[in-house]
Amino acid sequence: MKKVILLSLLSISFSIAFSQSKFSKHELSINGFRNPSIGAEYRYRHISVHAGYYPTNFESGVTTEFIRTGLTYWFLPVGKKENPSSFYGSLSYARGMSKEYKNQNAGMAEAGFRWMVYKGINLRIGVAALKAEGKDVKINPTPGISYSFFF
């Protein structure tokens, strides 16, 4: 009985969270800083695709560069705005362009939150894990700033 009550409460909580706001049908974002990359992103409802240039610093003062493309899943919209803030999870392919990753393939997994600041301006903060063959997993923060067009 306790499990039924707990599942009911969780179900109600998720229903409230999702009913507060809905994602727009289409969104095109121009990403000006690292998250998900300096490039473009297109979202259809809960799924987006992105591609661009991704610089990162695994150690202070040393920038490693990648070309990055992938998919993002958007969930748990927050608030009642027309274009809500929300959480996201992303999987990406990255191709190294410099340093010890030059011409290497890598996979990235990322999770974070996007805050819709004002109209189309949004800020992201996330944490990404990057893995390339023969290299240790690298974890680093992924801040970002973008402008989104909704249609």
N, C-alpha and C. Protein backbone atom coordinates (compact mmCIF):
# COMPACT_ATOMS: atom_id res chain seq x y z
N MET A 1 0.82 -1.20 0.00
CA MET A 1 0.00 0.00 0.00
C MET A 1 0.87 1.26 0.00
N LYS A 2 1.98 1.22 0.74
CA LYS A 2 2.88 2.37 0.79
C LYS A 2 3.44 2.67 -0.60
N LYS A 3 3.76 1.61 -1.35
CA LYS A 3 4.30 1.80 -2.70
C LYS A 3 3.27 2.45 -3.62
N VAL A 4 2.01 2.06 -3.49
CA VAL A 4 0.95 2.63 -4.31
C VAL A 4 0.79 4.12 -3.99
N ILE A 5 0.81 4.47 -2.71
CA ILE A 5 0.68 5.87 -2.31
C ILE A 5 1.88 6.67 -2.82
N LEU A 6 3.09 6.13 -2.67
CA LEU A 6 4.29 6.82 -3.12
C LEU A 6 4.27 7.02 -4.64
N LEU A 7 3.89 5.99 -5.39
CA LEU A 7 3.80 6.11 -6.84
C LEU A 7 2.73 7.12 -7.24
N SER A 8 1.63 7.17 -6.53
CA SER A 8 0.57 8.14 -6.82
C SER A 8 1.06 9.57 -6.59
N LEU A 9 1.77 9.78 -5.49
CA LEU A 9 2.30 11.11 -5.19
C LEU A 9 3.34 11.54 -6.23
N LEU A 10 4.20 10.62 -6.63
CA LEU A 10 5.19 10.93 -7.67
C LEU A 10 4.50 11.26 -8.99
N SER A 11 3.49 10.49 -9.33
CA SER A 11 2.75 10.72 -10.56
C SER A 11 2.08 12.09 -10.55
N ILE A 12 1.47 12.45 -9.43
CA ILE A 12 0.82 13.76 -9.31
C ILE A 12 1.86 14.88 -9.41
N SER A 13 3.02 14.70 -8.75
CA SER A 13 4.08 15.71 -8.80
C SER A 13 4.57 15.94 -10.22
N PHE A 14 4.81 14.86 -10.96
CA PHE A 14 5.26 15.00 -12.35
C PHE A 14 4.17 15.62 -13.22
N SER A 15 2.91 15.27 -12.97
CA SER A 15 1.81 15.85 -13.74
C SER A 15 1.73 17.35 -13.52
N ILE A 16 1.90 17.79 -12.28
CA ILE A 16 1.88 19.22 -11.97
C ILE A 16 3.04 19.92 -12.65
N ALA A 17 4.23 19.34 -12.56
CA ALA A 17 5.42 19.95 -13.17
C ALA A 17 5.23 20.09 -14.67
N PHE A 18 4.73 19.06 -15.33
CA PHE A 18 4.57 19.11 -16.78
C PHE A 18 3.38 19.96 -17.21
N SER A 19 2.35 20.06 -16.37
CA SER A 19 1.18 20.83 -16.77
C SER A 19 1.38 22.32 -16.60
N GLN A 20 2.40 22.74 -15.85
CA GLN A 20 2.62 24.17 -15.63
C GLN A 20 3.02 24.87 -16.92
N SER A 21 3.71 24.18 -17.78
CA SER A 21 4.22 24.82 -18.97
C SER A 21 4.43 23.79 -20.06
N LYS A 22 4.41 24.25 -21.30
CA LYS A 22 4.66 23.37 -22.43
C LYS A 22 5.73 23.99 -23.30
N PHE A 23 6.47 23.14 -23.99
CA PHE A 23 7.47 23.62 -24.91
C PHE A 23 6.80 24.09 -26.20
N SER A 24 7.40 25.08 -26.83
CA SER A 24 6.89 25.51 -28.12
C SER A 24 7.16 24.39 -29.13
N LYS A 25 6.48 24.43 -30.25
CA LYS A 25 6.63 23.36 -31.24
C LYS A 25 8.00 23.41 -31.92
N HIS A 26 8.47 24.62 -32.31
CA HIS A 26 9.74 24.77 -33.01
C HIS A 26 10.58 25.85 -32.33
N GLU A 27 11.89 25.65 -32.33
CA GLU A 27 12.82 26.66 -31.80
C GLU A 27 14.13 26.56 -32.57
N LEU A 28 14.67 27.71 -32.92
CA LEU A 28 15.99 27.79 -33.54
C LEU A 28 16.85 28.66 -32.64
N SER A 29 17.97 28.14 -32.19
CA SER A 29 18.87 28.87 -31.29
C SER A 29 20.20 29.13 -31.95
N ILE A 30 20.70 30.33 -31.74
CA ILE A 30 22.06 30.70 -32.13
C ILE A 30 22.86 30.70 -30.83
N ASN A 31 23.82 29.80 -30.73
CA ASN A 31 24.57 29.61 -29.50
C ASN A 31 25.89 30.36 -29.60
N GLY A 32 26.09 31.32 -28.68
CA GLY A 32 27.25 32.19 -28.74
C GLY A 32 28.39 31.79 -27.83
N PHE A 33 28.16 30.85 -26.96
CA PHE A 33 29.22 30.38 -26.09
C PHE A 33 29.08 28.88 -25.94
N ARG A 34 29.94 28.24 -25.35
CA ARG A 34 30.28 26.83 -25.35
C ARG A 34 29.15 25.80 -25.25
N ASN A 35 28.02 26.09 -24.71
CA ASN A 35 27.02 25.05 -24.47
C ASN A 35 25.86 25.16 -25.45
N PRO A 36 25.51 24.19 -26.26
CA PRO A 36 26.24 22.95 -26.47
C PRO A 36 27.48 23.14 -27.33
N SER A 37 27.49 24.22 -28.14
CA SER A 37 28.66 24.58 -28.94
C SER A 37 28.41 25.98 -29.49
N ILE A 38 29.44 26.58 -30.06
CA ILE A 38 29.25 27.86 -30.75
C ILE A 38 28.74 27.49 -32.13
N GLY A 39 27.44 27.64 -32.31
CA GLY A 39 26.83 27.17 -33.54
C GLY A 39 25.33 27.34 -33.50
N ALA A 40 24.61 26.36 -34.00
CA ALA A 40 23.16 26.44 -34.10
C ALA A 40 22.51 25.18 -33.54
N GLU A 41 21.25 25.35 -33.16
CA GLU A 41 20.48 24.23 -32.60
C GLU A 41 19.02 24.39 -33.03
N TYR A 42 18.42 23.29 -33.44
CA TYR A 42 17.00 23.29 -33.80
C TYR A 42 16.28 22.31 -32.89
N ARG A 43 15.19 22.80 -32.25
CA ARG A 43 14.40 21.94 -31.36
C ARG A 43 13.00 21.79 -31.93
N TYR A 44 12.49 20.56 -31.91
CA TYR A 44 11.10 20.25 -32.22
C TYR A 44 10.52 19.61 -30.97
N ARG A 45 9.64 20.34 -30.30
CA ARG A 45 9.03 19.92 -29.04
C ARG A 45 10.10 19.58 -28.00
N HIS A 46 10.33 18.31 -27.71
CA HIS A 46 11.26 17.91 -26.64
C HIS A 46 12.64 17.48 -27.12
N ILE A 47 12.86 17.45 -28.43
CA ILE A 47 14.13 16.94 -28.98
C ILE A 47 14.80 18.03 -29.81
N SER A 48 16.11 18.19 -29.64
CA SER A 48 16.83 19.14 -30.48
C SER A 48 18.10 18.50 -31.04
N VAL A 49 18.57 19.06 -32.16
CA VAL A 49 19.84 18.67 -32.76
C VAL A 49 20.72 19.92 -32.78
N HIS A 50 22.01 19.73 -32.58
CA HIS A 50 22.92 20.87 -32.53
C HIS A 50 24.22 20.53 -33.24
N ALA A 51 24.92 21.57 -33.69
CA ALA A 51 26.22 21.40 -34.34
C ALA A 51 27.00 22.69 -34.21
N GLY A 52 28.32 22.57 -34.04
CA GLY A 52 29.16 23.76 -33.97
C GLY A 52 30.55 23.48 -33.43
N TYR A 53 31.22 24.55 -33.11
CA TYR A 53 32.59 24.57 -32.59
C TYR A 53 32.54 24.52 -31.06
N TYR A 54 33.30 23.63 -30.45
CA TYR A 54 33.26 23.45 -29.00
C TYR A 54 34.67 23.56 -28.41
N PRO A 55 35.02 24.73 -27.83
CA PRO A 55 36.29 24.86 -27.13
C PRO A 55 36.12 24.51 -25.64
N THR A 56 37.10 23.88 -25.05
CA THR A 56 37.02 23.57 -23.63
C THR A 56 38.42 23.59 -23.02
N ASN A 57 38.47 23.72 -21.72
CA ASN A 57 39.74 23.75 -20.99
C ASN A 57 39.74 22.61 -19.98
N PHE A 58 40.45 21.54 -20.29
CA PHE A 58 40.59 20.44 -19.35
C PHE A 58 41.62 20.79 -18.27
N GLU A 59 42.54 21.71 -18.61
CA GLU A 59 43.50 22.24 -17.64
C GLU A 59 43.58 23.74 -17.85
N SER A 60 43.88 24.46 -16.80
CA SER A 60 43.89 25.91 -16.82
C SER A 60 44.83 26.47 -17.90
N GLY A 61 44.30 27.38 -18.71
CA GLY A 61 45.09 28.05 -19.71
C GLY A 61 45.36 27.27 -20.99
N VAL A 62 44.83 26.06 -21.11
CA VAL A 62 45.05 25.24 -22.30
C VAL A 62 43.69 24.91 -22.92
N THR A 63 43.43 25.46 -24.11
CA THR A 63 42.15 25.25 -24.79
C THR A 63 42.28 24.09 -25.78
N THR A 64 41.36 23.15 -25.67
CA THR A 64 41.27 22.04 -26.61
C THR A 64 40.01 22.27 -27.43
N GLU A 65 40.10 22.09 -28.75
CA GLU A 65 39.00 22.41 -29.65
C GLU A 65 38.40 21.17 -30.28
N PHE A 66 37.07 21.21 -30.44
CA PHE A 66 36.32 20.11 -31.05
C PHE A 66 35.27 20.66 -31.99
N ILE A 67 34.84 19.85 -32.94
CA ILE A 67 33.59 20.06 -33.67
C ILE A 67 32.62 19.12 -32.97
N ARG A 68 31.44 19.63 -32.63
CA ARG A 68 30.49 18.84 -31.84
C ARG A 68 29.11 18.84 -32.49
N THR A 69 28.48 17.67 -32.52
CA THR A 69 27.11 17.55 -33.01
C THR A 69 26.39 16.50 -32.18
N GLY A 70 25.09 16.69 -31.98
CA GLY A 70 24.38 15.70 -31.17
C GLY A 70 22.90 15.99 -31.00
N LEU A 71 22.32 15.24 -30.08
CA LEU A 71 20.89 15.32 -29.76
C LEU A 71 20.70 15.70 -28.29
N THR A 72 19.65 16.48 -28.04
CA THR A 72 19.32 16.88 -26.67
C THR A 72 17.86 16.56 -26.41
N TYR A 73 17.58 16.07 -25.21
CA TYR A 73 16.21 15.84 -24.76
C TYR A 73 15.89 16.86 -23.68
N TRP A 74 14.80 17.61 -23.86
CA TRP A 74 14.37 18.65 -22.92
C TRP A 74 13.22 18.11 -22.07
N PHE A 75 13.27 18.37 -20.76
CA PHE A 75 12.24 17.84 -19.87
C PHE A 75 12.03 18.75 -18.67
N LEU A 76 10.96 18.51 -17.94
CA LEU A 76 10.57 19.24 -16.74
C LEU A 76 10.61 20.76 -16.94
N PRO A 77 9.75 21.30 -17.81
CA PRO A 77 9.70 22.75 -17.97
C PRO A 77 9.32 23.40 -16.64
N VAL A 78 9.93 24.55 -16.37
CA VAL A 78 9.75 25.22 -15.08
C VAL A 78 9.02 26.54 -15.30
N GLY A 79 7.97 26.79 -14.53
CA GLY A 79 7.25 28.05 -14.59
C GLY A 79 6.12 28.03 -15.60
N LYS A 80 5.52 29.21 -15.76
CA LYS A 80 4.35 29.32 -16.62
C LYS A 80 4.60 30.23 -17.82
N LYS A 81 5.85 30.55 -18.09
CA LYS A 81 6.17 31.38 -19.25
C LYS A 81 5.81 30.67 -20.54
N GLU A 82 5.63 31.47 -21.59
CA GLU A 82 5.33 30.89 -22.90
C GLU A 82 6.47 29.98 -23.37
N ASN A 83 7.70 30.39 -23.10
CA ASN A 83 8.88 29.59 -23.43
C ASN A 83 9.62 29.32 -22.12
N PRO A 84 9.38 28.18 -21.52
CA PRO A 84 9.85 27.92 -20.16
C PRO A 84 11.34 27.55 -20.07
N SER A 85 11.87 27.77 -18.88
CA SER A 85 13.17 27.23 -18.53
C SER A 85 12.98 25.72 -18.37
N SER A 86 14.06 24.95 -18.48
CA SER A 86 13.90 23.50 -18.35
C SER A 86 15.23 22.80 -18.16
N PHE A 87 15.14 21.55 -17.82
CA PHE A 87 16.30 20.68 -17.69
C PHE A 87 16.55 19.99 -19.03
N TYR A 88 17.77 19.49 -19.22
CA TYR A 88 18.08 18.79 -20.46
C TYR A 88 19.14 17.72 -20.23
N GLY A 89 19.17 16.76 -21.15
CA GLY A 89 20.20 15.75 -21.20
C GLY A 89 20.63 15.62 -22.65
N SER A 90 21.92 15.45 -22.90
CA SER A 90 22.43 15.49 -24.27
C SER A 90 23.48 14.41 -24.51
N LEU A 91 23.46 13.84 -25.71
CA LEU A 91 24.50 12.92 -26.17
C LEU A 91 25.07 13.51 -27.46
N SER A 92 26.40 13.54 -27.56
CA SER A 92 27.04 14.17 -28.71
C SER A 92 28.23 13.38 -29.22
N TYR A 93 28.52 13.60 -30.49
CA TYR A 93 29.75 13.14 -31.12
C TYR A 93 30.67 14.36 -31.21
N ALA A 94 31.93 14.19 -30.84
CA ALA A 94 32.90 15.29 -30.94
C ALA A 94 34.12 14.81 -31.72
N ARG A 95 34.62 15.68 -32.57
CA ARG A 95 35.83 15.37 -33.34
C ARG A 95 36.90 16.36 -32.92
N GLY A 96 38.01 15.85 -32.39
CA GLY A 96 39.10 16.70 -31.93
C GLY A 96 39.76 17.47 -33.04
N MET A 97 40.06 18.74 -32.78
CA MET A 97 40.72 19.59 -33.77
C MET A 97 42.10 20.06 -33.30
N SER A 98 42.43 19.85 -32.03
CA SER A 98 43.70 20.35 -31.52
C SER A 98 44.20 19.51 -30.35
N LYS A 99 45.43 19.81 -29.95
CA LYS A 99 46.10 19.18 -28.82
C LYS A 99 46.10 17.65 -28.96
N GLU A 100 46.01 16.95 -27.83
CA GLU A 100 46.09 15.50 -27.84
C GLU A 100 44.84 14.83 -28.42
N TYR A 101 43.80 15.60 -28.72
CA TYR A 101 42.57 15.05 -29.31
C TYR A 101 42.49 15.27 -30.82
N LYS A 102 43.51 15.86 -31.42
CA LYS A 102 43.47 16.16 -32.86
C LYS A 102 43.17 14.90 -33.67
N ASN A 103 42.15 15.00 -34.53
CA ASN A 103 41.68 13.91 -35.41
C ASN A 103 41.17 12.69 -34.66
N GLN A 104 40.80 12.84 -33.39
CA GLN A 104 40.23 11.73 -32.63
C GLN A 104 38.73 11.91 -32.49
N ASN A 105 38.02 10.77 -32.48
CA ASN A 105 36.58 10.76 -32.22
C ASN A 105 36.35 10.65 -30.73
N ALA A 106 35.29 11.31 -30.26
CA ALA A 106 34.95 11.25 -28.84
C ALA A 106 33.43 11.28 -28.69
N GLY A 107 32.96 10.78 -27.58
CA GLY A 107 31.55 10.84 -27.22
C GLY A 107 31.39 11.73 -26.01
N MET A 108 30.27 12.45 -25.95
CA MET A 108 30.00 13.32 -24.82
C MET A 108 28.59 13.06 -24.29
N ALA A 109 28.47 13.10 -22.98
CA ALA A 109 27.17 13.05 -22.31
C ALA A 109 27.10 14.29 -21.42
N GLU A 110 25.96 14.94 -21.42
CA GLU A 110 25.82 16.19 -20.67
C GLU A 110 24.44 16.27 -20.03
N ALA A 111 24.37 16.91 -18.89
CA ALA A 111 23.10 17.19 -18.21
C ALA A 111 23.17 18.59 -17.64
N GLY A 112 22.03 19.29 -17.64
CA GLY A 112 22.04 20.63 -17.10
C GLY A 112 20.68 21.29 -17.10
N PHE A 113 20.71 22.62 -16.97
CA PHE A 113 19.50 23.43 -16.87
C PHE A 113 19.65 24.67 -17.75
N ARG A 114 18.57 25.01 -18.46
CA ARG A 114 18.54 26.23 -19.27
C ARG A 114 17.55 27.19 -18.65
N TRP A 115 18.03 28.41 -18.35
CA TRP A 115 17.20 29.46 -17.76
C TRP A 115 16.85 30.46 -18.85
N MET A 116 15.55 30.60 -19.13
CA MET A 116 15.08 31.59 -20.10
C MET A 116 15.05 32.94 -19.38
N VAL A 117 16.02 33.79 -19.67
CA VAL A 117 16.21 35.05 -18.95
C VAL A 117 15.18 36.09 -19.38
N TYR A 118 15.13 36.40 -20.68
CA TYR A 118 14.24 37.44 -21.17
C TYR A 118 13.98 37.19 -22.65
N LYS A 119 12.74 37.03 -23.00
CA LYS A 119 12.34 36.73 -24.37
C LYS A 119 13.18 35.56 -24.88
N GLY A 120 14.03 35.75 -25.90
CA GLY A 120 14.80 34.64 -26.46
C GLY A 120 16.16 34.42 -25.82
N ILE A 121 16.59 35.33 -24.94
CA ILE A 121 17.91 35.19 -24.31
C ILE A 121 17.86 34.11 -23.24
N ASN A 122 18.80 33.16 -23.31
CA ASN A 122 18.84 32.10 -22.30
C ASN A 122 20.27 31.76 -21.92
N LEU A 123 20.41 31.32 -20.69
CA LEU A 123 21.69 30.89 -20.13
C LEU A 123 21.60 29.42 -19.77
N ARG A 124 22.68 28.70 -19.99
CA ARG A 124 22.72 27.29 -19.64
C ARG A 124 23.89 27.02 -18.70
N ILE A 125 23.68 26.07 -17.82
CA ILE A 125 24.78 25.55 -17.02
C ILE A 125 24.61 24.03 -16.97
N GLY A 126 25.68 23.36 -17.30
CA GLY A 126 25.63 21.91 -17.32
C GLY A 126 26.96 21.31 -16.92
N VAL A 127 27.00 20.00 -16.92
CA VAL A 127 28.22 19.24 -16.66
C VAL A 127 28.32 18.20 -17.75
N ALA A 128 29.50 18.13 -18.39
CA ALA A 128 29.69 17.19 -19.49
C ALA A 128 30.81 16.21 -19.16
N ALA A 129 30.66 15.00 -19.68
CA ALA A 129 31.70 13.98 -19.61
C ALA A 129 32.10 13.67 -21.04
N LEU A 130 33.40 13.73 -21.33
CA LEU A 130 33.91 13.46 -22.66
C LEU A 130 34.82 12.24 -22.59
N LYS A 131 34.62 11.30 -23.52
CA LYS A 131 35.43 10.09 -23.56
C LYS A 131 35.91 9.85 -24.98
N ALA A 132 37.24 9.69 -25.13
CA ALA A 132 37.86 9.33 -26.40
C ALA A 132 38.65 8.06 -26.17
N GLU A 133 38.82 7.30 -27.23
CA GLU A 133 39.55 6.03 -27.13
C GLU A 133 40.97 6.28 -26.62
N GLY A 134 41.36 5.50 -25.62
CA GLY A 134 42.70 5.59 -25.06
C GLY A 134 42.91 6.75 -24.10
N LYS A 135 41.86 7.50 -23.79
CA LYS A 135 41.97 8.65 -22.89
C LYS A 135 41.01 8.47 -21.71
N ASP A 136 41.38 9.07 -20.60
CA ASP A 136 40.51 9.07 -19.43
C ASP A 136 39.27 9.93 -19.70
N VAL A 137 38.20 9.65 -18.98
CA VAL A 137 37.00 10.48 -19.06
C VAL A 137 37.33 11.85 -18.48
N LYS A 138 36.95 12.89 -19.19
CA LYS A 138 37.15 14.27 -18.73
C LYS A 138 35.79 14.85 -18.37
N ILE A 139 35.69 15.43 -17.19
CA ILE A 139 34.45 16.05 -16.70
C ILE A 139 34.71 17.55 -16.57
N ASN A 140 33.80 18.35 -17.11
CA ASN A 140 33.95 19.79 -16.92
C ASN A 140 32.61 20.51 -17.02
N PRO A 141 32.54 21.73 -16.45
CA PRO A 141 31.30 22.51 -16.53
C PRO A 141 31.09 23.02 -17.95
N THR A 142 29.83 23.22 -18.32
CA THR A 142 29.51 23.69 -19.66
C THR A 142 28.54 24.88 -19.59
N PRO A 143 29.06 26.08 -19.34
CA PRO A 143 28.19 27.26 -19.36
C PRO A 143 27.87 27.64 -20.80
N GLY A 144 26.79 28.37 -20.99
CA GLY A 144 26.44 28.79 -22.33
C GLY A 144 25.48 29.96 -22.33
N ILE A 145 25.47 30.68 -23.45
CA ILE A 145 24.51 31.76 -23.67
C ILE A 145 24.01 31.64 -25.10
N SER A 146 22.71 31.82 -25.29
CA SER A 146 22.10 31.66 -26.60
C SER A 146 20.96 32.66 -26.78
N TYR A 147 20.57 32.81 -28.04
CA TYR A 147 19.34 33.54 -28.35
C TYR A 147 18.47 32.61 -29.18
N SER A 148 17.22 32.46 -28.79
CA SER A 148 16.31 31.53 -29.43
C SER A 148 15.16 32.24 -30.13
N PHE A 149 14.79 31.71 -31.29
CA PHE A 149 13.63 32.18 -32.04
C PHE A 149 12.59 31.06 -31.96
N PHE A 150 11.36 31.40 -31.60
CA PHE A 150 10.28 30.43 -31.43
C PHE A 150 9.25 30.59 -32.53
N PHE A 151 8.81 29.46 -33.08
CA PHE A 151 7.78 29.53 -34.12
C PHE A 151 7.00 28.23 -34.13
